[in-house]
PDB file of all heavy atoms in Angstrom:
ATOM      1  N   VAL A   1     133.949  54.575-135.607  1.00  0.00           N
ATOM      2  CA  VAL A   1     134.263  53.918-134.341  1.00  0.00           C
ATOM      3  C   VAL A   1     135.347  52.876-134.576  1.00  0.00           C
ATOM      4  O   VAL A   1     135.203  51.994-135.424  1.00  0.00           O
ATOM      5  CB  VAL A   1     133.011  53.245-133.743  1.00  0.00           C
ATOM      6  CG1 VAL A   1     133.350  52.522-132.454  1.00  0.00           C
ATOM      7  CG2 VAL A   1     131.904  54.267-133.508  1.00  0.00           C
ATOM      8  N   GLU A   2     136.423  53.000-133.818  1.00  0.00           N
ATOM      9  CA  GLU A   2     137.476  51.985-133.841  1.00  0.00           C
ATOM     10  C   GLU A   2     137.323  51.147-132.576  1.00  0.00           C
ATOM     11  O   GLU A   2     137.355  51.672-131.460  1.00  0.00           O
ATOM     12  CB  GLU A   2     138.861  52.625-133.851  1.00  0.00           C
ATOM     13  CG  GLU A   2     139.972  51.595-133.790  1.00  0.00           C
ATOM     14  CD  GLU A   2     141.343  52.202-133.591  1.00  0.00           C
ATOM     15  OE1 GLU A   2     141.441  53.352-133.121  1.00  0.00           O
ATOM     16  OE2 GLU A   2     142.324  51.506-133.889  1.00  0.00           O
ATOM     17  N   PHE A   3     137.123  49.856-132.764  1.00  0.00           N
ATOM     18  CA  PHE A   3     136.988  48.946-131.642  1.00  0.00           C
ATOM     19  C   PHE A   3     138.373  48.480-131.195  1.00  0.00           C
ATOM     20  O   PHE A   3     139.344  48.556-131.956  1.00  0.00           O
ATOM     21  CB  PHE A   3     136.105  47.763-132.028  1.00  0.00           C
ATOM     22  CG  PHE A   3     134.673  48.156-132.259  1.00  0.00           C
ATOM     23  CD1 PHE A   3     134.243  48.536-133.529  1.00  0.00           C
ATOM     24  CD2 PHE A   3     133.770  48.188-131.212  1.00  0.00           C
ATOM     25  CE1 PHE A   3     132.921  48.920-133.740  1.00  0.00           C
ATOM     26  CE2 PHE A   3     132.452  48.569-131.408  1.00  0.00           C
ATOM     27  CZ  PHE A   3     132.032  48.939-132.676  1.00  0.00           C
ATOM     28  N   LEU A   4     138.477  48.003-129.973  1.00  0.00           N
ATOM     29  CA  LEU A   4     139.759  47.539-129.457  1.00  0.00           C
ATOM     30  C   LEU A   4     140.309  46.372-130.262  1.00  0.00           C
ATOM     31  O   LEU A   4     141.515  46.130-130.272  1.00  0.00           O
ATOM     32  CB  LEU A   4     139.627  47.169-127.973  1.00  0.00           C
ATOM     33  CG  LEU A   4     139.319  48.341-127.042  1.00  0.00           C
ATOM     34  CD1 LEU A   4     139.170  47.852-125.607  1.00  0.00           C
ATOM     35  CD2 LEU A   4     140.393  49.412-127.132  1.00  0.00           C
ATOM     36  N   SER A   5     139.446  45.669-130.959  1.00  0.00           N
ATOM     37  CA  SER A   5     139.876  44.567-131.832  1.00  0.00           C
ATOM     38  C   SER A   5     140.635  45.068-133.056  1.00  0.00           C
ATOM     39  O   SER A   5     141.260  44.293-133.765  1.00  0.00           O
ATOM     40  CB  SER A   5     138.658  43.773-132.296  1.00  0.00           C
ATOM     41  OG  SER A   5     137.841  44.588-133.146  1.00  0.00           O
ATOM     42  N   GLY A   6     140.539  46.389-133.315  1.00  0.00           N
ATOM     43  CA  GLY A   6     141.169  46.971-134.500  1.00  0.00           C
ATOM     44  C   GLY A   6     140.184  47.217-135.626  1.00  0.00           C
ATOM     45  O   GLY A   6     140.506  47.916-136.588  1.00  0.00           O
ATOM     46  N   ASP A   7     138.983  46.648-135.548  1.00  0.00           N
ATOM     47  CA  ASP A   7     137.955  46.882-136.569  1.00  0.00           C
ATOM     48  C   ASP A   7     137.485  48.326-136.505  1.00  0.00           C
ATOM     49  O   ASP A   7     137.347  48.894-135.416  1.00  0.00           O
ATOM     50  CB  ASP A   7     136.756  45.964-136.359  1.00  0.00           C
ATOM     51  CG  ASP A   7     137.083  44.499-136.617  1.00  0.00           C
ATOM     52  OD1 ASP A   7     138.055  44.227-137.354  1.00  0.00           O
ATOM     53  OD2 ASP A   7     136.365  43.639-136.086  1.00  0.00           O
ATOM     54  N   VAL A   8     137.232  48.897-137.667  1.00  0.00           N
ATOM     55  CA  VAL A   8     136.740  50.273-137.757  1.00  0.00           C
ATOM     56  C   VAL A   8     135.439  50.264-138.552  1.00  0.00           C
ATOM     57  O   VAL A   8     135.367  49.691-139.637  1.00  0.00           O
ATOM     58  CB  VAL A   8     137.772  51.205-138.439  1.00  0.00           C
ATOM     59  CG1 VAL A   8     137.216  52.611-138.586  1.00  0.00           C
ATOM     60  CG2 VAL A   8     139.082  51.213-137.657  1.00  0.00           C
ATOM     61  N   TYR A   9     134.423  50.905-137.987  1.00  0.00           N
ATOM     62  CA  TYR A   9     133.114  51.002-138.640  1.00  0.00           C
ATOM     63  C   TYR A   9     132.707  52.462-138.745  1.00  0.00           C
ATOM     64  O   TYR A   9     133.007  53.261-137.856  1.00  0.00           O
ATOM     65  CB  TYR A   9     132.042  50.254-137.839  1.00  0.00           C
ATOM     66  CG  TYR A   9     132.125  48.761-137.973  1.00  0.00           C
ATOM     67  CD1 TYR A   9     133.017  48.022-137.214  1.00  0.00           C
ATOM     68  CD2 TYR A   9     131.302  48.089-138.870  1.00  0.00           C
ATOM     69  CE1 TYR A   9     133.091  46.645-137.338  1.00  0.00           C
ATOM     70  CE2 TYR A   9     131.371  46.712-138.996  1.00  0.00           C
ATOM     71  CZ  TYR A   9     132.272  45.996-138.235  1.00  0.00           C
ATOM     72  OH  TYR A   9     132.333  44.638-138.367  1.00  0.00           O
ATOM     73  N   GLN A  10     132.040  52.787-139.843  1.00  0.00           N
ATOM     74  CA  GLN A  10     131.433  54.104-140.005  1.00  0.00           C
ATOM     75  C   GLN A  10     129.922  53.950-139.958  1.00  0.00           C
ATOM     76  O   GLN A  10     129.370  53.057-140.607  1.00  0.00           O
ATOM     77  CB  GLN A  10     131.850  54.749-141.323  1.00  0.00           C
ATOM     78  CG  GLN A  10     133.300  55.177-141.328  1.00  0.00           C
ATOM     79  CD  GLN A  10     133.684  55.933-142.582  1.00  0.00           C
ATOM     80  OE1 GLN A  10     133.033  55.827-143.620  1.00  0.00           O
ATOM     81  NE2 GLN A  10     134.758  56.692-142.495  1.00  0.00           N
ATOM     82  N   TYR A  11     129.278  54.830-139.194  1.00  0.00           N
ATOM     83  CA  TYR A  11     127.816  54.859-139.061  1.00  0.00           C
ATOM     84  C   TYR A  11     127.327  56.138-139.715  1.00  0.00           C
ATOM     85  O   TYR A  11     127.870  57.217-139.447  1.00  0.00           O
ATOM     86  CB  TYR A  11     127.426  54.795-137.584  1.00  0.00           C
ATOM     87  CG  TYR A  11     127.868  53.508-136.932  1.00  0.00           C
ATOM     88  CD1 TYR A  11     129.128  53.388-136.373  1.00  0.00           C
ATOM     89  CD2 TYR A  11     127.034  52.397-136.917  1.00  0.00           C
ATOM     90  CE1 TYR A  11     129.549  52.194-135.791  1.00  0.00           C
ATOM     91  CE2 TYR A  11     127.443  51.201-136.346  1.00  0.00           C
ATOM     92  CZ  TYR A  11     128.705  51.113-135.789  1.00  0.00           C
ATOM     93  OH  TYR A  11     129.116  49.933-135.232  1.00  0.00           O
ATOM     94  N   PHE A  12     126.317  56.022-140.552  1.00  0.00           N
ATOM     95  CA  PHE A  12     125.892  57.135-141.404  1.00  0.00           C
ATOM     96  C   PHE A  12     124.595  57.777-140.920  1.00  0.00           C
ATOM     97  O   PHE A  12     123.690  57.090-140.446  1.00  0.00           O
ATOM     98  CB  PHE A  12     125.710  56.646-142.839  1.00  0.00           C
ATOM     99  CG  PHE A  12     126.914  55.898-143.350  1.00  0.00           C
ATOM    100  CD1 PHE A  12     126.853  54.530-143.574  1.00  0.00           C
ATOM    101  CD2 PHE A  12     128.111  56.551-143.572  1.00  0.00           C
ATOM    102  CE1 PHE A  12     127.965  53.826-144.024  1.00  0.00           C
ATOM    103  CE2 PHE A  12     129.235  55.871-144.025  1.00  0.00           C
ATOM    104  CZ  PHE A  12     129.156  54.503-144.249  1.00  0.00           C
ATOM    105  N   GLY A  13     124.514  59.107-141.069  1.00  0.00           N
ATOM    106  CA  GLY A  13     123.304  59.848-140.716  1.00  0.00           C
ATOM    107  C   GLY A  13     123.136  60.069-139.228  1.00  0.00           C
ATOM    108  O   GLY A  13     122.028  60.342-138.761  1.00  0.00           O
ATOM    109  N   VAL A  14     124.221  59.950-138.476  1.00  0.00           N
ATOM    110  CA  VAL A  14     124.159  60.120-137.024  1.00  0.00           C
ATOM    111  C   VAL A  14     124.159  61.614-136.696  1.00  0.00           C
ATOM    112  O   VAL A  14     125.111  62.319-137.031  1.00  0.00           O
ATOM    113  CB  VAL A  14     125.361  59.429-136.339  1.00  0.00           C
ATOM    114  CG1 VAL A  14     125.323  59.644-134.838  1.00  0.00           C
ATOM    115  CG2 VAL A  14     125.396  57.942-136.684  1.00  0.00           C
ATOM    116  N   PRO A  15     123.124  62.117-136.028  1.00  0.00           N
ATOM    117  CA  PRO A  15     123.073  63.541-135.702  1.00  0.00           C
ATOM    118  C   PRO A  15     124.150  63.916-134.675  1.00  0.00           C
ATOM    119  O   PRO A  15     124.549  63.097-133.842  1.00  0.00           O
ATOM    120  CB  PRO A  15     121.679  63.744-135.098  1.00  0.00           C
ATOM    121  CG  PRO A  15     120.972  62.449-135.191  1.00  0.00           C
ATOM    122  CD  PRO A  15     121.938  61.405-135.616  1.00  0.00           C
ATOM    123  N   LEU A  16     124.590  65.156-134.754  1.00  0.00           N
ATOM    124  CA  LEU A  16     125.633  65.651-133.864  1.00  0.00           C
ATOM    125  C   LEU A  16     125.259  65.452-132.400  1.00  0.00           C
ATOM    126  O   LEU A  16     126.095  65.041-131.594  1.00  0.00           O
ATOM    127  CB  LEU A  16     125.912  67.130-134.150  1.00  0.00           C
ATOM    128  CG  LEU A  16     126.932  67.806-133.235  1.00  0.00           C
ATOM    129  CD1 LEU A  16     128.302  67.133-133.340  1.00  0.00           C
ATOM    130  CD2 LEU A  16     127.044  69.291-133.569  1.00  0.00           C
ATOM    131  N   HIS A  17     124.009  65.721-132.043  1.00  0.00           N
ATOM    132  CA  HIS A  17     123.631  65.607-130.636  1.00  0.00           C
ATOM    133  C   HIS A  17     123.771  64.172-130.121  1.00  0.00           C
ATOM    134  O   HIS A  17     124.114  63.946-128.963  1.00  0.00           O
ATOM    135  CB  HIS A  17     122.213  66.148-130.386  1.00  0.00           C
ATOM    136  CG  HIS A  17     121.122  65.247-130.874  1.00  0.00           C
ATOM    137  ND1 HIS A  17     120.632  65.304-132.164  1.00  0.00           N
ATOM    138  CD2 HIS A  17     120.442  64.252-130.252  1.00  0.00           C
ATOM    139  CE1 HIS A  17     119.691  64.381-132.306  1.00  0.00           C
ATOM    140  NE2 HIS A  17     119.555  63.730-131.169  1.00  0.00           N
ATOM    141  N   LEU A  18     123.563  63.184-130.991  1.00  0.00           N
ATOM    142  CA  LEU A  18     123.703  61.791-130.574  1.00  0.00           C
ATOM    143  C   LEU A  18     125.181  61.448-130.345  1.00  0.00           C
ATOM    144  O   LEU A  18     125.528  60.765-129.378  1.00  0.00           O
ATOM    145  CB  LEU A  18     123.083  60.861-131.611  1.00  0.00           C
ATOM    146  CG  LEU A  18     122.803  59.456-131.140  1.00  0.00           C
ATOM    147  CD1 LEU A  18     121.689  59.453-130.093  1.00  0.00           C
ATOM    148  CD2 LEU A  18     122.406  58.574-132.295  1.00  0.00           C
ATOM    149  N   TYR A  19     126.035  61.931-131.228  1.00  0.00           N
ATOM    150  CA  TYR A  19     127.479  61.746-131.047  1.00  0.00           C
ATOM    151  C   TYR A  19     127.927  62.372-129.729  1.00  0.00           C
ATOM    152  O   TYR A  19     128.662  61.755-128.951  1.00  0.00           O
ATOM    153  CB  TYR A  19     128.240  62.348-132.231  1.00  0.00           C
ATOM    154  CG  TYR A  19     129.691  62.602-131.957  1.00  0.00           C
ATOM    155  CD1 TYR A  19     130.606  61.552-131.891  1.00  0.00           C
ATOM    156  CD2 TYR A  19     130.165  63.893-131.745  1.00  0.00           C
ATOM    157  CE1 TYR A  19     131.946  61.790-131.634  1.00  0.00           C
ATOM    158  CE2 TYR A  19     131.502  64.140-131.487  1.00  0.00           C
ATOM    159  CZ  TYR A  19     132.384  63.078-131.429  1.00  0.00           C
ATOM    160  OH  TYR A  19     133.720  63.310-131.162  1.00  0.00           O
ATOM    161  N   GLU A  20     127.472  63.589-129.463  1.00  0.00           N
ATOM    162  CA  GLU A  20     127.851  64.278-128.238  1.00  0.00           C
ATOM    163  C   GLU A  20     127.350  63.531-127.001  1.00  0.00           C
ATOM    164  O   GLU A  20     128.068  63.425-126.003  1.00  0.00           O
ATOM    165  CB  GLU A  20     127.327  65.719-128.242  1.00  0.00           C
ATOM    166  CG  GLU A  20     128.027  66.578-129.273  1.00  0.00           C
ATOM    167  CD  GLU A  20     127.404  67.957-129.447  1.00  0.00           C
ATOM    168  OE1 GLU A  20     126.210  68.133-129.103  1.00  0.00           O
ATOM    169  OE2 GLU A  20     128.119  68.851-129.926  1.00  0.00           O
ATOM    170  N   GLN A  21     126.142  63.004-127.073  1.00  0.00           N
ATOM    171  CA  GLN A  21     125.603  62.223-125.955  1.00  0.00           C
ATOM    172  C   GLN A  21     126.436  60.960-125.731  1.00  0.00           C
ATOM    173  O   GLN A  21     126.716  60.588-124.592  1.00  0.00           O
ATOM    174  CB  GLN A  21     124.143  61.846-126.216  1.00  0.00           C
ATOM    175  CG  GLN A  21     123.183  63.003-126.116  1.00  0.00           C
ATOM    176  CD  GLN A  21     121.767  62.615-126.517  1.00  0.00           C
ATOM    177  OE1 GLN A  21     121.520  61.516-127.020  1.00  0.00           O
ATOM    178  NE2 GLN A  21     120.828  63.521-126.304  1.00  0.00           N
ATOM    179  N   MET A  22     126.816  60.303-126.814  1.00  0.00           N
ATOM    180  CA  MET A  22     127.609  59.088-126.680  1.00  0.00           C
ATOM    181  C   MET A  22     128.959  59.383-126.047  1.00  0.00           C
ATOM    182  O   MET A  22     129.417  58.640-125.172  1.00  0.00           O
ATOM    183  CB  MET A  22     127.805  58.400-128.031  1.00  0.00           C
ATOM    184  CG  MET A  22     128.441  57.027-127.886  1.00  0.00           C
ATOM    185  SD  MET A  22     128.603  56.123-129.417  1.00  0.00           S
ATOM    186  CE  MET A  22     130.229  56.646-129.912  1.00  0.00           C
ATOM    187  N   MET A  23     129.586  60.468-126.460  1.00  0.00           N
ATOM    188  CA  MET A  23     130.910  60.804-125.943  1.00  0.00           C
ATOM    189  C   MET A  23     130.875  61.152-124.458  1.00  0.00           C
ATOM    190  O   MET A  23     131.892  61.046-123.781  1.00  0.00           O
ATOM    191  CB  MET A  23     131.525  61.932-126.762  1.00  0.00           C
ATOM    192  CG  MET A  23     131.853  61.530-128.189  1.00  0.00           C
ATOM    193  SD  MET A  23     133.023  60.150-128.306  1.00  0.00           S
ATOM    194  CE  MET A  23     134.568  61.007-128.008  1.00  0.00           C
ATOM    195  N   SER A  24     129.729  61.548-123.953  1.00  0.00           N
ATOM    196  CA  SER A  24     129.630  61.875-122.528  1.00  0.00           C
ATOM    197  C   SER A  24     128.907  60.775-121.737  1.00  0.00           C
ATOM    198  O   SER A  24     128.693  60.927-120.529  1.00  0.00           O
ATOM    199  CB  SER A  24     128.921  63.215-122.338  1.00  0.00           C
ATOM    200  OG  SER A  24     127.591  63.154-122.794  1.00  0.00           O
ATOM    201  N   ALA A  25     128.570  59.681-122.387  1.00  0.00           N
ATOM    202  CA  ALA A  25     127.854  58.586-121.722  1.00  0.00           C
ATOM    203  C   ALA A  25     128.761  57.845-120.751  1.00  0.00           C
ATOM    204  O   ALA A  25     129.983  57.754-120.956  1.00  0.00           O
ATOM    205  CB  ALA A  25     127.307  57.610-122.765  1.00  0.00           C
ATOM    206  N   HIS A  26     128.164  57.295-119.721  1.00  0.00           N
ATOM    207  CA  HIS A  26     128.914  56.493-118.746  1.00  0.00           C
ATOM    208  C   HIS A  26     129.506  55.251-119.416  1.00  0.00           C
ATOM    209  O   HIS A  26     130.631  54.861-119.136  1.00  0.00           O
ATOM    210  CB  HIS A  26     127.985  56.094-117.588  1.00  0.00           C
ATOM    211  CG  HIS A  26     128.636  55.202-116.590  1.00  0.00           C
ATOM    212  ND1 HIS A  26     129.621  55.647-115.738  1.00  0.00           N
ATOM    213  CD2 HIS A  26     128.471  53.887-116.328  1.00  0.00           C
ATOM    214  CE1 HIS A  26     130.026  54.634-114.979  1.00  0.00           C
ATOM    215  NE2 HIS A  26     129.339  53.555-115.324  1.00  0.00           N
ATOM    216  N   SER A  27     128.751  54.654-120.333  1.00  0.00           N
ATOM    217  CA  SER A  27     129.214  53.480-121.074  1.00  0.00           C
ATOM    218  C   SER A  27     129.103  53.766-122.572  1.00  0.00           C
ATOM    219  O   SER A  27     127.999  53.750-123.136  1.00  0.00           O
ATOM    220  CB  SER A  27     128.380  52.247-120.714  1.00  0.00           C
ATOM    221  OG  SER A  27     128.707  51.183-121.590  1.00  0.00           O
ATOM    222  N   ILE A  28     130.224  54.025-123.197  1.00  0.00           N
ATOM    223  CA  ILE A  28     130.219  54.332-124.637  1.00  0.00           C
ATOM    224  C   ILE A  28     129.754  53.114-125.436  1.00  0.00           C
ATOM    225  O   ILE A  28     128.940  53.227-126.344  1.00  0.00           O
ATOM    226  CB  ILE A  28     131.604  54.822-125.088  1.00  0.00           C
ATOM    227  CG1 ILE A  28     131.833  56.226-124.520  1.00  0.00           C
ATOM    228  CG2 ILE A  28     131.717  54.815-126.606  1.00  0.00           C
ATOM    229  CD1 ILE A  28     133.162  56.816-124.829  1.00  0.00           C
ATOM    230  N   GLY A  29     130.249  51.943-125.090  1.00  0.00           N
ATOM    231  CA  GLY A  29     129.838  50.724-125.794  1.00  0.00           C
ATOM    232  C   GLY A  29     128.362  50.431-125.620  1.00  0.00           C
ATOM    233  O   GLY A  29     127.681  50.038-126.563  1.00  0.00           O
ATOM    234  N   GLY A  30     127.858  50.635-124.427  1.00  0.00           N
ATOM    235  CA  GLY A  30     126.432  50.421-124.176  1.00  0.00           C
ATOM    236  C   GLY A  30     125.571  51.390-124.952  1.00  0.00           C
ATOM    237  O   GLY A  30     124.542  51.012-125.526  1.00  0.00           O
ATOM    238  N   PHE A  31     125.992  52.649-124.989  1.00  0.00           N
ATOM    239  CA  PHE A  31     125.263  53.665-125.753  1.00  0.00           C
ATOM    240  C   PHE A  31     125.274  53.309-127.233  1.00  0.00           C
ATOM    241  O   PHE A  31     124.250  53.377-127.913  1.00  0.00           O
ATOM    242  CB  PHE A  31     125.888  55.047-125.524  1.00  0.00           C
ATOM    243  CG  PHE A  31     125.080  56.179-126.079  1.00  0.00           C
ATOM    244  CD1 PHE A  31     124.230  56.900-125.262  1.00  0.00           C
ATOM    245  CD2 PHE A  31     125.161  56.527-127.423  1.00  0.00           C
ATOM    246  CE1 PHE A  31     123.472  57.951-125.768  1.00  0.00           C
ATOM    247  CE2 PHE A  31     124.414  57.567-127.937  1.00  0.00           C
ATOM    248  CZ  PHE A  31     123.569  58.279-127.110  1.00  0.00           C
TER     249      PHE A  31
END
């Protein structure tokens, strides 16, 4: 995840379905 501040974080062990849900969420930051 690259934040608008320019910081980049990697999150480990995230299942594909969770990534897909986040990408289609109304609020990505909230998710």
